[in-house]
Amino acid sequence: MMRSKKGQGLSLNVIIIAALALIVLVVLAAIFIQQTGIFTSKLNKEANTELISLKGTYGECHPSRLAETSFIAAFSRAEPEDQEAARDALRETIRTCSFLDSPAACEANSDCDWQ
């Protein structure tokens, strides 16, 4: 008595469909990653533009680079309706620094730099 020794395996159609599905997933992931990068770049440009407009109010004692970087991060992360809070925080730092009229007093404040 001889039994059939046919192997049970995946058909060629199933393998092709699985390969195509994998390719589609890779392409979709690449598009998503690229669009996320573009979105982040646009947010940073908007934050930098806002920072430049606020730099017009700087005096000799002005916010430090760390304060500016913190503003860019907070502004970029915030929802459009919450971006005003980031602006207000930087404006408050600008006001604080503007009252310091000597290099020594300015440099003593960790949020401020002289010229």
C-alpha atoms as a PDB file:
ATOM      1  CA  MET A   1       0.000   0.000   0.000  1.00  0.00           C
ATOM      2  CA  MET A   2       1.592   3.261  -1.162  1.00  0.00           C
ATOM      3  CA  ARG A   3       0.621   6.583   0.228  1.00  0.00           C
ATOM      4  CA  SER A   4       0.857   9.830  -1.669  1.00  0.00           C
ATOM      5  CA  LYS A   5       3.800  11.892  -0.485  1.00  0.00           C
ATOM      6  CA  LYS A   6       2.502  15.263  -1.674  1.00  0.00           C
ATOM      7  CA  GLY A   7       3.943  18.028   0.470  1.00  0.00           C
ATOM      8  CA  GLN A   8       1.716  20.581   2.064  1.00  0.00           C
ATOM      9  CA  GLY A   9       3.091  24.005   1.393  1.00  0.00           C
ATOM     10  CA  LEU A  10       2.224  27.538   0.422  1.00  0.00           C
ATOM     11  CA  SER A  11       1.045  27.973  -3.104  1.00  0.00           C
ATOM     12  CA  LEU A  12       2.944  30.308  -5.386  1.00  0.00           C
ATOM     13  CA  ASN A  13      -0.020  32.699  -5.431  1.00  0.00           C
ATOM     14  CA  VAL A  14       0.050  33.105  -1.643  1.00  0.00           C
ATOM     15  CA  ILE A  15       3.792  33.808  -1.682  1.00  0.00           C
ATOM     16  CA  ILE A  16       3.404  36.452  -4.417  1.00  0.00           C
ATOM     17  CA  ILE A  17       0.514  38.171  -2.613  1.00  0.00           C
ATOM     18  CA  ALA A  18       2.467  38.208   0.665  1.00  0.00           C
ATOM     19  CA  ALA A  19       5.505  39.725  -1.095  1.00  0.00           C
ATOM     20  CA  LEU A  20       3.361  42.432  -2.720  1.00  0.00           C
ATOM     21  CA  ALA A  21       1.701  43.229   0.612  1.00  0.00           C
ATOM     22  CA  LEU A  22       5.120  43.596   2.234  1.00  0.00           C
ATOM     23  CA  ILE A  23       6.291  45.937  -0.530  1.00  0.00           C
ATOM     24  CA  VAL A  24       3.156  48.078  -0.122  1.00  0.00           C
ATOM     25  CA  LEU A  25       3.721  48.295   3.638  1.00  0.00           C
ATOM     26  CA  VAL A  26       7.340  49.369   3.160  1.00  0.00           C
ATOM     27  CA  VAL A  27       6.313  52.066   0.661  1.00  0.00           C
ATOM     28  CA  LEU A  28       3.578  53.359   2.977  1.00  0.00           C
ATOM     29  CA  ALA A  29       6.020  53.484   5.905  1.00  0.00           C
ATOM     30  CA  ALA A  30       8.534  55.430   3.799  1.00  0.00           C
ATOM     31  CA  ILE A  31       5.871  57.953   2.741  1.00  0.00           C
ATOM     32  CA  PHE A  32       4.700  58.378   6.344  1.00  0.00           C
ATOM     33  CA  ILE A  33       8.244  58.954   7.627  1.00  0.00           C
ATOM     34  CA  GLN A  34       8.979  61.469   4.867  1.00  0.00           C
ATOM     35  CA  GLN A  35       5.775  63.443   5.502  1.00  0.00           C
ATOM     36  CA  THR A  36       6.461  63.497   9.239  1.00  0.00           C
ATOM     37  CA  GLY A  37       9.894  64.969   8.555  1.00  0.00           C
ATOM     38  CA  ILE A  38       8.432  67.639   6.273  1.00  0.00           C
ATOM     39  CA  PHE A  39       5.814  68.532   8.902  1.00  0.00           C
ATOM     40  CA  THR A  40       8.448  68.846  11.628  1.00  0.00           C
ATOM     41  CA  SER A  41      10.594  71.009   9.363  1.00  0.00           C
ATOM     42  CA  LYS A  42       7.674  73.367   8.718  1.00  0.00           C
ATOM     43  CA  LEU A  43       6.978  73.668  12.438  1.00  0.00           C
ATOM     44  CA  ASN A  44      10.612  74.543  13.138  1.00  0.00           C
ATOM     45  CA  LYS A  45      10.600  77.162  10.356  1.00  0.00           C
ATOM     46  CA  GLU A  46       7.497  78.750  11.849  1.00  0.00           C
ATOM     47  CA  ALA A  47       9.109  78.807  15.300  1.00  0.00           C
ATOM     48  CA  ASN A  48      12.319  80.333  13.891  1.00  0.00           C
ATOM     49  CA  THR A  49      10.298  83.014  12.085  1.00  0.00           C
ATOM     50  CA  GLU A  50       8.500  83.849  15.318  1.00  0.00           C
ATOM     51  CA  LEU A  51      11.840  83.991  17.179  1.00  0.00           C
ATOM     52  CA  ILE A  52      13.283  86.389  14.597  1.00  0.00           C
ATOM     53  CA  SER A  53      10.285  88.695  14.991  1.00  0.00           C
ATOM     54  CA  LEU A  54      10.746  88.682  18.767  1.00  0.00           C
ATOM     55  CA  LYS A  55      14.482  89.357  18.445  1.00  0.00           C
ATOM     56  CA  GLY A  56      13.546  92.832  17.217  1.00  0.00           C
ATOM     57  CA  THR A  57      12.669  93.701  20.810  1.00  0.00           C
ATOM     58  CA  TYR A  58      16.012  92.573  22.248  1.00  0.00           C
ATOM     59  CA  GLY A  59      18.257  95.038  24.010  1.00  0.00           C
ATOM     60  CA  GLU A  60      21.909  94.682  24.997  1.00  0.00           C
ATOM     61  CA  CYS A  61      20.928  92.067  27.561  1.00  0.00           C
ATOM     62  CA  HIS A  62      18.793  89.487  25.812  1.00  0.00           C
ATOM     63  CA  PRO A  63      17.612  85.884  26.275  1.00  0.00           C
ATOM     64  CA  SER A  64      20.320  83.234  26.114  1.00  0.00           C
ATOM     65  CA  ARG A  65      20.610  80.711  23.310  1.00  0.00           C
ATOM     66  CA  LEU A  66      19.222  78.083  25.692  1.00  0.00           C
ATOM     67  CA  ALA A  67      16.114  80.223  26.310  1.00  0.00           C
ATOM     68  CA  GLU A  68      15.690  80.655  22.538  1.00  0.00           C
ATOM     69  CA  THR A  69      16.067  76.899  21.950  1.00  0.00           C
ATOM     70  CA  SER A  70      13.508  76.207  24.674  1.00  0.00           C
ATOM     71  CA  PHE A  71      11.120  78.637  22.991  1.00  0.00           C
ATOM     72  CA  ILE A  72      11.543  76.929  19.600  1.00  0.00           C
ATOM     73  CA  ALA A  73      10.873  73.514  21.153  1.00  0.00           C
ATOM     74  CA  ALA A  74       7.822  74.717  23.103  1.00  0.00           C
ATOM     75  CA  PHE A  75       6.409  76.640  20.130  1.00  0.00           C
ATOM     76  CA  SER A  76       6.887  73.691  17.765  1.00  0.00           C
ATOM     77  CA  ARG A  77       5.222  71.198  20.140  1.00  0.00           C
ATOM     78  CA  ALA A  78       2.261  73.427  21.003  1.00  0.00           C
ATOM     79  CA  GLU A  79      -1.079  73.365  19.247  1.00  0.00           C
ATOM     80  CA  PRO A  80      -1.744  76.603  17.310  1.00  0.00           C
ATOM     81  CA  GLU A  81      -4.075  77.900  20.014  1.00  0.00           C
ATOM     82  CA  ASP A  82      -1.425  77.205  22.709  1.00  0.00           C
ATOM     83  CA  GLN A  83       1.523  78.836  20.926  1.00  0.00           C
ATOM     84  CA  GLU A  84       0.758  82.155  22.590  1.00  0.00           C
ATOM     85  CA  ALA A  85       1.920  80.676  25.915  1.00  0.00           C
ATOM     86  CA  ALA A  86       5.343  79.966  24.419  1.00  0.00           C
ATOM     87  CA  ARG A  87       5.477  83.532  23.048  1.00  0.00           C
ATOM     88  CA  ASP A  88       4.505  84.952  26.436  1.00  0.00           C
ATOM     89  CA  ALA A  89       7.214  82.944  28.199  1.00  0.00           C
ATOM     90  CA  LEU A  90       9.900  84.305  25.852  1.00  0.00           C
ATOM     91  CA  ARG A  91       8.494  87.836  26.121  1.00  0.00           C
ATOM     92  CA  GLU A  92       8.744  87.559  29.906  1.00  0.00           C
ATOM     93  CA  THR A  93      12.389  86.483  29.599  1.00  0.00           C
ATOM     94  CA  ILE A  94      13.015  89.437  27.251  1.00  0.00           C
ATOM     95  CA  ARG A  95      11.445  91.788  29.819  1.00  0.00           C
ATOM     96  CA  THR A  96      13.509  90.292  32.638  1.00  0.00           C
ATOM     97  CA  CYS A  97      16.725  90.647  30.660  1.00  0.00           C
ATOM     98  CA  SER A  98      15.923  94.178  29.501  1.00  0.00           C
ATOM     99  CA  PHE A  99      15.957  95.450  33.110  1.00  0.00           C
ATOM    100  CA  LEU A 100      19.553  94.269  33.569  1.00  0.00           C
ATOM    101  CA  ASP A 101      21.745  97.167  32.486  1.00  0.00           C
ATOM    102  CA  SER A 102      25.266  95.873  33.077  1.00  0.00           C
ATOM    103  CA  PRO A 103      27.151  92.922  31.606  1.00  0.00           C
ATOM    104  CA  ALA A 104      27.810  91.475  35.066  1.00  0.00           C
ATOM    105  CA  ALA A 105      24.145  91.616  36.105  1.00  0.00           C
ATOM    106  CA  CYS A 106      23.075  90.197  32.755  1.00  0.00           C
ATOM    107  CA  GLU A 107      25.503  87.288  32.845  1.00  0.00           C
ATOM    108  CA  ALA A 108      24.499  86.538  36.462  1.00  0.00           C
ATOM    109  CA  ASN A 109      21.022  85.617  35.217  1.00  0.00           C
ATOM    110  CA  SER A 110      21.220  82.166  33.585  1.00  0.00           C
ATOM    111  CA  ASP A 111      18.456  83.050  31.089  1.00  0.00           C
ATOM    112  CA  CYS A 112      20.267  86.136  29.764  1.00  0.00           C
ATOM    113  CA  ASP A 113      23.342  86.966  27.665  1.00  0.00           C
ATOM    114  CA  TRP A 114      24.984  90.340  27.065  1.00  0.00           C
ATOM    115  CA  GLN A 115      24.964  91.412  23.407  1.00  0.00           C
END
